[in-house]
């Protein structure tokens, strides 16, 4: 049985009638859950080692650009020759591209001879254009001169070189098909130029295949799942200014404004929050419709540069945006109906928010305090994202092992080389996948840890306010926020690490099971029987319930950790017992208050998503070097960052309400149902029997 907390966190009349005075927050503490703090520190060391592997092996250019036949990444200034501005991958031999597209062919597009260019070649209108290999050996041209000549030095070739070029073995290759820049790959358009083809045949060139397969082969490579995933990660890297503005600065500004409005206009804020939430979710959904092409003519296009009205290319990104638009439509309808349903209960939230507003007014440092964990998380996210880009691109470039005919003229050896002429690919080993998962888990754990630290500090500050009867007391430190922070750092970091680890572990298990479920669904191996489907869906629901319960228990455990200094498990038990014994008293009050706060967090995150859409719709991100393949992932990342920032700041109100209510319940239990230390405003809100009866009905 837990003993009374009055002696721990306040002062209360003893059995003999004398008043026993104790510190507002217990001072005779000791370090708790130290083992988990050691684990957390060791995990951070492992995170640094894991990230250093990525910085050593990775190259973010691989996420966007392709490889040439030498294994160089296009756009890499450190390659040989220097390819700083040569970002487009172009396949020289159209017959090899055709061969790679045949159904049962052993020849892969990765083995077709490719080079990096500044722009995609197009056929001549009155002759035959050539694209020649990088100048080296007997070709005395610099790379800049080669570019200025439109990659054509056919006139400088010896008779032997001209003959091998007519055999499609280089070093020069004819431009028969037009090509278009699709995600920095020159995709062939299966419409051969009649003029160029006639000149080629007159020169005695070998037969060139003109089937539409030449178009589909490159398109299939561009739309491969691995290629789409790399482009999504590259989109986040290119849109880093959007992440800083819309994922960092904007939610900071909106969250502080929301706290100030809660302080001064508490009665109106629930109504404003609900109305603003509905407006924002409709606006974000409309932007998804715009980018999906269902409204207007502003759908995303995989083509970079000027668009050909007679040529259309569709990518997976557009399908993903349309799926997101459908999902957002469903969420929008459910959210609007839910907000309508809770309108008549908003007064209930107003009553509780008044108490939080009173606390914020008395302990004004609470509004400023979240800036500290916000700054720490900002620094962590900058390091984490930089390491993530390198980890995702940390595969090893290796030459393929092919048995196909890929002979090509070598300018250095001055002969046709059929040995080691296969192309290059990026090889990802299984340990890279483990490193990426470890990195993702580390991000989630660190985020939950810093949020938990912030919540614990706020809870300790609010508890000091409560047990001083809501008045200035000599027992309250001059700056209760910094006093609470000192208690946390000195005694309770291990307990916070344990709580955040439990939540991160459960969330990771749920994520893994959800991934397995999706793979089974794709493979059509989901249970067929009624019992199997029941177990299948019940397990998902149970994990979601477990996650919600752990979140709720963690939040209340952090409050009791701040108040009592107990270990995480003991604090969880105390908080759970306290809540269960007062469930009818605080249940609905807390739930409705949490709903309004949750809608407030969504308002902040949706505003981040909306402004991210607006920034990504500018010319910078729609063309040329910084073009993103889709706004989907940058917008989702801004939404997530906005939600994290809102959680940090809204915890001021959230933890104030929870800490006040838990303290009120404990105070009532210790004094035969009548709270002795509750501030006057709290007594007016929760102490009045008529008010409590109305709130709990």
Foldseek 3Di string as FASTA:
>chain_A
DDDFCCQAQFWDQDPVRDIDGDFNFHDPFFFFLVVLVVVLVVLVVVLVVLLVLLVVQFDLLVLQADAAQVRDTALACPDVVGRVQQGAKEFQFLQLLLQQLDDPHPRHPLFGGIDTHNAFDAADPAEKDKAFDQDDFPRPDDNVVCVVVVNDPPVPDDPVQVVVQLAVQDRIHIRFFGFFQFSRYTATDLDGDPNNVVNSVVVPHDDHDRDCSSRVSVLCVCQDPLSVVSLLLVLCVLCVVLCCVLLAVLLLVLLLVLLVCLLPVLVCQLVVLLVLLLVLLVLLLVLLCQCLCVPDRNHFASTFDDDDPVDGRDHVQSVVSVVVSVVSVVVSVVSNVVSVVCPVVVVLLSLLSVLLSLLCVVQVCLSVVLVVLSVVLVVVVVSLSVSLSSLSRSFDKDFDDDPDARWHADSNVRGTDRPSSGGIDGDDDPVSVVSNVSSVLSNQLVLQLSLLLLLLLLLLLLSSCQSQLNDDDPSQDPNSSVVLNVLCVRHPSSLSSVLSVVLSVLVVVLVVVVVVVVVCVVVVNQDDDPVSVVVVVVVNVVSVVVSVVSVVLSSQLSSQCSRNVDHSVVSSVVSVVLCVVCVLQCVQSLVSNVVSLVSNLQSQLSSSLSVLSVVCPDPQQRHDDSDRSHSVSVSVSSSVSSSSSSSSSSSSSNSSSSSLVSLQSSQCVVVVRDRDRGHPSVCVQRVDPVNSVVSSD
